[in-house]
Structures are given as C-alpha cells and as structure tokens.
C-alpha cells in the first residue's frame, strides 16, 4: 500500500484480500462513522489513517 492520504476501493480490496463489493461496504461503513462524528467524507475513499486505526486498533 502506497503512502497515500486516501485509499480507494481497490486499495482496500487488495490490502484485505476481499472483493470489490465487500470493500465498498467497508468503506461506506467507515465513512458513515466519520460522518456521524462530523467529518467530511469522500464516497469510495477512506482516510488511510482512519482505515489503519480501524484495522490495527491504534497507529503509532
């Protein structure tokens, strides 16, 4: 995974070894969580930092 600020659906699918449709569902769920907290989101993309926090727990 490159050092991008935002991951797209292909990045998430490749990283997690899942289908594109499942990656869209995961991104949508994470974006819904961010929207509920008042953050601006981009459909089909997720913040790399937030993604890593959700996958790994905390990021150093």
PDB file of N, CA and C in Angstrom:
ATOM      1  N   UNK A   1       0.860  -1.169   0.000  1.00  0.00           N
ATOM      2  CA  UNK A   1       0.000   0.000   0.000  1.00  0.00           C
ATOM      3  C   UNK A   1       0.907   1.232   0.000  1.00  0.00           C
ATOM      4  N   UNK A   2       0.707   2.080  -0.980  1.00  0.00           N
ATOM      5  CA  UNK A   2       1.483   3.313  -1.061  1.00  0.00           C
ATOM      6  C   UNK A   2       1.190   4.199   0.134  1.00  0.00           C
ATOM      7  N   UNK A   3       1.944   5.253   0.244  1.00  0.00           N
ATOM      8  CA  UNK A   3       1.737   6.185   1.340  1.00  0.00           C
ATOM      9  C   UNK A   3       0.806   7.308   0.878  1.00  0.00           C
ATOM     10  N   UNK A   4      -0.440   6.981   0.572  1.00  0.00           N
ATOM     11  CA  UNK A   4      -1.446   7.940   0.138  1.00  0.00           C
ATOM     12  C   UNK A   4      -2.257   8.399   1.344  1.00  0.00           C
ATOM     13  N   UNK A   5      -2.846   9.591   1.242  1.00  0.00           N
ATOM     14  CA  UNK A   5      -3.719  10.076   2.311  1.00  0.00           C
ATOM     15  C   UNK A   5      -5.052   9.342   2.306  1.00  0.00           C
ATOM     16  N   UNK A   6      -5.572   9.037   1.113  1.00  0.00           N
ATOM     17  CA  UNK A   6      -6.857   8.357   0.991  1.00  0.00           C
ATOM     18  C   UNK A   6      -6.683   7.071   0.212  1.00  0.00           C
ATOM     19  N   UNK A   7      -7.348   6.031   0.666  1.00  0.00           N
ATOM     20  CA  UNK A   7      -7.351   4.744  -0.021  1.00  0.00           C
ATOM     21  C   UNK A   7      -8.641   4.637  -0.811  1.00  0.00           C
ATOM     22  N   UNK A   8      -8.556   4.050  -2.005  1.00  0.00           N
ATOM     23  CA  UNK A   8      -9.773   3.808  -2.773  1.00  0.00           C
ATOM     24  C   UNK A   8     -10.183   2.354  -2.614  1.00  0.00           C
ATOM     25  N   UNK A   9     -11.245   1.992  -3.270  1.00  0.00           N
ATOM     26  CA  UNK A   9     -11.812   0.652  -3.105  1.00  0.00           C
ATOM     27  C   UNK A   9     -10.829  -0.438  -3.527  1.00  0.00           C
ATOM     28  N   UNK A  10     -10.036  -0.180  -4.559  1.00  0.00           N
ATOM     29  CA  UNK A  10      -9.058  -1.181  -4.999  1.00  0.00           C
ATOM     30  C   UNK A  10      -7.958  -1.373  -3.966  1.00  0.00           C
ATOM     31  N   UNK A  11      -7.514  -0.289  -3.334  1.00  0.00           N
ATOM     32  CA  UNK A  11      -6.504  -0.394  -2.280  1.00  0.00           C
ATOM     33  C   UNK A  11      -7.013  -1.246  -1.122  1.00  0.00           C
ATOM     34  N   UNK A  12      -8.244  -0.974  -0.688  1.00  0.00           N
ATOM     35  CA  UNK A  12      -8.825  -1.712   0.441  1.00  0.00           C
ATOM     36  C   UNK A  12      -9.021  -3.184   0.077  1.00  0.00           C
ATOM     37  N   UNK A  13      -9.541  -3.443  -1.110  1.00  0.00           N
ATOM     38  CA  UNK A  13      -9.771  -4.830  -1.546  1.00  0.00           C
ATOM     39  C   UNK A  13      -8.458  -5.603  -1.624  1.00  0.00           C
ATOM     40  N   UNK A  14      -7.432  -5.005  -2.221  1.00  0.00           N
ATOM     41  CA  UNK A  14      -6.129  -5.668  -2.336  1.00  0.00           C
ATOM     42  C   UNK A  14      -5.514  -5.905  -0.971  1.00  0.00           C
ATOM     43  N   UNK A  15      -5.542  -4.890  -0.125  1.00  0.00           N
ATOM     44  CA  UNK A  15      -4.917  -4.987   1.183  1.00  0.00           C
ATOM     45  C   UNK A  15      -5.565  -6.067   2.050  1.00  0.00           C
ATOM     46  N   UNK A  16      -6.906  -6.134   2.007  1.00  0.00           N
ATOM     47  CA  UNK A  16      -7.621  -7.075   2.863  1.00  0.00           C
ATOM     48  C   UNK A  16      -7.886  -8.425   2.196  1.00  0.00           C
ATOM     49  N   UNK A  17      -7.612  -8.510   0.883  1.00  0.00           N
ATOM     50  CA  UNK A  17      -7.851  -9.760   0.165  1.00  0.00           C
ATOM     51  C   UNK A  17      -9.332 -10.076   0.041  1.00  0.00           C
ATOM     52  N   UNK A  18     -10.135  -9.050  -0.230  1.00  0.00           N
ATOM     53  CA  UNK A  18     -11.585  -9.204  -0.328  1.00  0.00           C
ATOM     54  C   UNK A  18     -12.064  -8.710  -1.687  1.00  0.00           C
ATOM     55  N   UNK A  19     -13.340  -8.941  -1.963  1.00  0.00           N
ATOM     56  CA  UNK A  19     -13.919  -8.499  -3.230  1.00  0.00           C
ATOM     57  C   UNK A  19     -14.125  -6.989  -3.226  1.00  0.00           C
ATOM     58  N   UNK A  20     -14.282  -6.439  -4.427  1.00  0.00           N
ATOM     59  CA  UNK A  20     -14.531  -5.009  -4.578  1.00  0.00           C
ATOM     60  C   UNK A  20     -15.837  -4.626  -3.889  1.00  0.00           C
ATOM     61  N   UNK A  21     -16.874  -5.450  -4.036  1.00  0.00           N
ATOM     62  CA  UNK A  21     -18.163  -5.107  -3.429  1.00  0.00           C
ATOM     63  C   UNK A  21     -18.070  -5.086  -1.899  1.00  0.00           C
ATOM     64  N   UNK A  22     -17.325  -6.010  -1.319  1.00  0.00           N
ATOM     65  CA  UNK A  22     -17.138  -6.016   0.139  1.00  0.00           C
ATOM     66  C   UNK A  22     -16.320  -4.804   0.573  1.00  0.00           C
ATOM     67  N   UNK A  23     -15.324  -4.424  -0.214  1.00  0.00           N
ATOM     68  CA  UNK A  23     -14.514  -3.247   0.096  1.00  0.00           C
ATOM     69  C   UNK A  23     -15.378  -1.989   0.087  1.00  0.00           C
ATOM     70  N   UNK A  24     -16.307  -1.882  -0.886  1.00  0.00           N
ATOM     71  CA  UNK A  24     -17.230  -0.743  -0.904  1.00  0.00           C
ATOM     72  C   UNK A  24     -18.066  -0.696   0.370  1.00  0.00           C
ATOM     73  N   UNK A  25     -18.538  -1.852   0.840  1.00  0.00           N
ATOM     74  CA  UNK A  25     -19.341  -1.892   2.062  1.00  0.00           C
ATOM     75  C   UNK A  25     -18.532  -1.446   3.270  1.00  0.00           C
ATOM     76  N   UNK A  26     -17.278  -1.858   3.340  1.00  0.00           N
ATOM     77  CA  UNK A  26     -16.420  -1.472   4.455  1.00  0.00           C
ATOM     78  C   UNK A  26     -16.148   0.031   4.420  1.00  0.00           C
ATOM     79  N   UNK A  27     -15.831   0.556   3.239  1.00  0.00           N
ATOM     80  CA  UNK A  27     -15.584   1.995   3.102  1.00  0.00           C
ATOM     81  C   UNK A  27     -16.841   2.782   3.456  1.00  0.00           C
ATOM     82  N   UNK A  28     -17.988   2.337   2.990  1.00  0.00           N
ATOM     83  CA  UNK A  28     -19.248   3.027   3.280  1.00  0.00           C
ATOM     84  C   UNK A  28     -19.509   3.043   4.789  1.00  0.00           C
ATOM     85  N   UNK A  29     -19.265   1.923   5.442  1.00  0.00           N
ATOM     86  CA  UNK A  29     -19.469   1.835   6.887  1.00  0.00           C
ATOM     87  C   UNK A  29     -18.527   2.782   7.636  1.00  0.00           C
ATOM     88  N   UNK A  30     -17.265   2.804   7.232  1.00  0.00           N
ATOM     89  CA  UNK A  30     -16.297   3.691   7.875  1.00  0.00           C
ATOM     90  C   UNK A  30     -16.640   5.155   7.608  1.00  0.00           C
ATOM     91  N   UNK A  31     -17.062   5.473   6.387  1.00  0.00           N
ATOM     92  CA  UNK A  31     -17.449   6.851   6.063  1.00  0.00           C
ATOM     93  C   UNK A  31     -18.691   7.275   6.837  1.00  0.00           C
ATOM     94  N   UNK A  32     -19.629   6.352   7.036  1.00  0.00           N
ATOM     95  CA  UNK A  32     -20.815   6.658   7.849  1.00  0.00           C
ATOM     96  C   UNK A  32     -20.406   7.008   9.275  1.00  0.00           C
ATOM     97  N   UNK A  33     -19.450   6.261   9.810  1.00  0.00           N
ATOM     98  CA  UNK A  33     -18.962   6.521  11.164  1.00  0.00           C
ATOM     99  C   UNK A  33     -18.291   7.897  11.237  1.00  0.00           C
ATOM    100  N   UNK A  34     -17.484   8.221  10.245  1.00  0.00           N
ATOM    101  CA  UNK A  34     -16.831   9.534  10.225  1.00  0.00           C
ATOM    102  C   UNK A  34     -17.841  10.662  10.064  1.00  0.00           C
ATOM    103  N   UNK A  35     -18.841  10.468   9.209  1.00  0.00           N
ATOM    104  CA  UNK A  35     -19.879  11.490   9.004  1.00  0.00           C
ATOM    105  C   UNK A  35     -20.642  11.753  10.290  1.00  0.00           C
ATOM    106  N   UNK A  36     -20.929  10.694  11.033  1.00  0.00           N
ATOM    107  CA  UNK A  36     -21.652  10.843  12.303  1.00  0.00           C
ATOM    108  C   UNK A  36     -20.845  11.665  13.309  1.00  0.00           C
ATOM    109  N   UNK A  37     -19.518  11.645  13.167  1.00  0.00           N
ATOM    110  CA  UNK A  37     -18.653  12.420  14.050  1.00  0.00           C
ATOM    111  C   UNK A  37     -18.424  13.831  13.518  1.00  0.00           C
ATOM    112  N   UNK A  38     -19.021  14.145  12.353  1.00  0.00           N
ATOM    113  CA  UNK A  38     -18.918  15.492  11.801  1.00  0.00           C
ATOM    114  C   UNK A  38     -17.804  15.704  10.799  1.00  0.00           C
ATOM    115  N   UNK A  39     -17.142  14.636  10.376  1.00  0.00           N
ATOM    116  CA  UNK A  39     -16.066  14.762   9.402  1.00  0.00           C
ATOM    117  C   UNK A  39     -16.620  14.762   7.982  1.00  0.00           C
ATOM    118  N   UNK A  40     -15.905  15.409   7.085  1.00  0.00           N
ATOM    119  CA  UNK A  40     -16.242  15.382   5.662  1.00  0.00           C
ATOM    120  C   UNK A  40     -15.693  14.087   5.084  1.00  0.00           C
ATOM    121  N   UNK A  41     -16.482  13.406   4.263  1.00  0.00           N
ATOM    122  CA  UNK A  41     -16.048  12.148   3.659  1.00  0.00           C
ATOM    123  C   UNK A  41     -16.152  12.226   2.146  1.00  0.00           C
ATOM    124  N   UNK A  42     -15.469  11.316   1.481  1.00  0.00           N
ATOM    125  CA  UNK A  42     -15.499  11.202   0.032  1.00  0.00           C
ATOM    126  C   UNK A  42     -15.992   9.798  -0.300  1.00  0.00           C
ATOM    127  N   UNK A  43     -17.060   9.719  -1.075  1.00  0.00           N
ATOM    128  CA  UNK A  43     -17.614   8.412  -1.440  1.00  0.00           C
ATOM    129  C   UNK A  43     -16.560   7.582  -2.180  1.00  0.00           C
ATOM    130  N   UNK A  44     -16.418   6.331  -1.765  1.00  0.00           N
ATOM    131  CA  UNK A  44     -15.483   5.420  -2.425  1.00  0.00           C
ATOM    132  C   UNK A  44     -14.040   5.565  -1.980  1.00  0.00           C
ATOM    133  N   UNK A  45     -13.784   6.439  -1.009  1.00  0.00           N
ATOM    134  CA  UNK A  45     -12.433   6.616  -0.481  1.00  0.00           C
ATOM    135  C   UNK A  45     -12.506   6.716   1.037  1.00  0.00           C
ATOM    136  N   UNK A  46     -11.399   6.329   1.674  1.00  0.00           N
ATOM    137  CA  UNK A  46     -11.335   6.392   3.127  1.00  0.00           C
ATOM    138  C   UNK A  46      -9.953   6.891   3.532  1.00  0.00           C
ATOM    139  N   UNK A  47      -9.907   7.671   4.582  1.00  0.00           N
ATOM    140  CA  UNK A  47      -8.636   8.164   5.107  1.00  0.00           C
ATOM    141  C   UNK A  47      -7.752   6.971   5.468  1.00  0.00           C
ATOM    142  N   UNK A  48      -6.509   6.996   5.021  1.00  0.00           N
ATOM    143  CA  UNK A  48      -5.581   5.910   5.318  1.00  0.00           C
ATOM    144  C   UNK A  48      -5.369   5.789   6.823  1.00  0.00           C
ATOM    145  N   UNK A  49      -5.249   6.928   7.514  1.00  0.00           N
ATOM    146  CA  UNK A  49      -5.030   6.919   8.965  1.00  0.00           C
ATOM    147  C   UNK A  49      -6.222   6.276   9.673  1.00  0.00           C
ATOM    148  N   UNK A  50      -7.445   6.673   9.310  1.00  0.00           N
ATOM    149  CA  UNK A  50      -8.634   6.101   9.950  1.00  0.00           C
ATOM    150  C   UNK A  50      -8.749   4.611   9.639  1.00  0.00           C
ATOM    151  N   UNK A  51      -8.483   4.231   8.388  1.00  0.00           N
ATOM    152  CA  UNK A  51      -8.527   2.821   7.997  1.00  0.00           C
ATOM    153  C   UNK A  51      -7.565   2.001   8.851  1.00  0.00           C
ATOM    154  N   UNK A  52      -6.335   2.488   8.996  1.00  0.00           N
ATOM    155  CA  UNK A  52      -5.348   1.748   9.783  1.00  0.00           C
ATOM    156  C   UNK A  52      -5.736   1.689  11.260  1.00  0.00           C
ATOM    157  N   UNK A  53      -6.340   2.746  11.781  1.00  0.00           N
ATOM    158  CA  UNK A  53      -6.804   2.713  13.168  1.00  0.00           C
ATOM    159  C   UNK A  53      -7.893   1.653  13.350  1.00  0.00           C
ATOM    160  N   UNK A  54      -8.818   1.560  12.387  1.00  0.00           N
ATOM    161  CA  UNK A  54      -9.902   0.590  12.484  1.00  0.00           C
ATOM    162  C   UNK A  54      -9.390  -0.847  12.303  1.00  0.00           C
ATOM    163  N   UNK A  55      -8.381  -1.034  11.469  1.00  0.00           N
ATOM    164  CA  UNK A  55      -7.867  -2.374  11.206  1.00  0.00           C
ATOM    165  C   UNK A  55      -6.906  -2.831  12.306  1.00  0.00           C
ATOM    166  N   UNK A  56      -6.015  -1.937  12.728  1.00  0.00           N
ATOM    167  CA  UNK A  56      -4.982  -2.309  13.689  1.00  0.00           C
ATOM    168  C   UNK A  56      -5.268  -1.910  15.119  1.00  0.00           C
ATOM    169  N   UNK A  57      -6.253  -1.075  15.336  1.00  0.00           N
ATOM    170  CA  UNK A  57      -6.550  -0.609  16.682  1.00  0.00           C
ATOM    171  C   UNK A  57      -6.020   0.793  16.896  1.00  0.00           C
ATOM    172  N   UNK A  58      -4.726   0.939  17.015  1.00  0.00           N
ATOM    173  CA  UNK A  58      -4.110   2.250  17.129  1.00  0.00           C
ATOM    174  C   UNK A  58      -2.908   2.308  16.214  1.00  0.00           C
ATOM    175  N   UNK A  59      -2.567   3.494  15.782  1.00  0.00           N
ATOM    176  CA  UNK A  59      -1.428   3.674  14.910  1.00  0.00           C
ATOM    177  C   UNK A  59      -0.388   4.494  15.646  1.00  0.00           C
ATOM    178  N   UNK A  60       0.841   4.023  15.647  1.00  0.00           N
ATOM    179  CA  UNK A  60       1.915   4.729  16.356  1.00  0.00           C
ATOM    180  C   UNK A  60       2.368   5.952  15.598  1.00  0.00           C
TER     181      UNK A  60
END
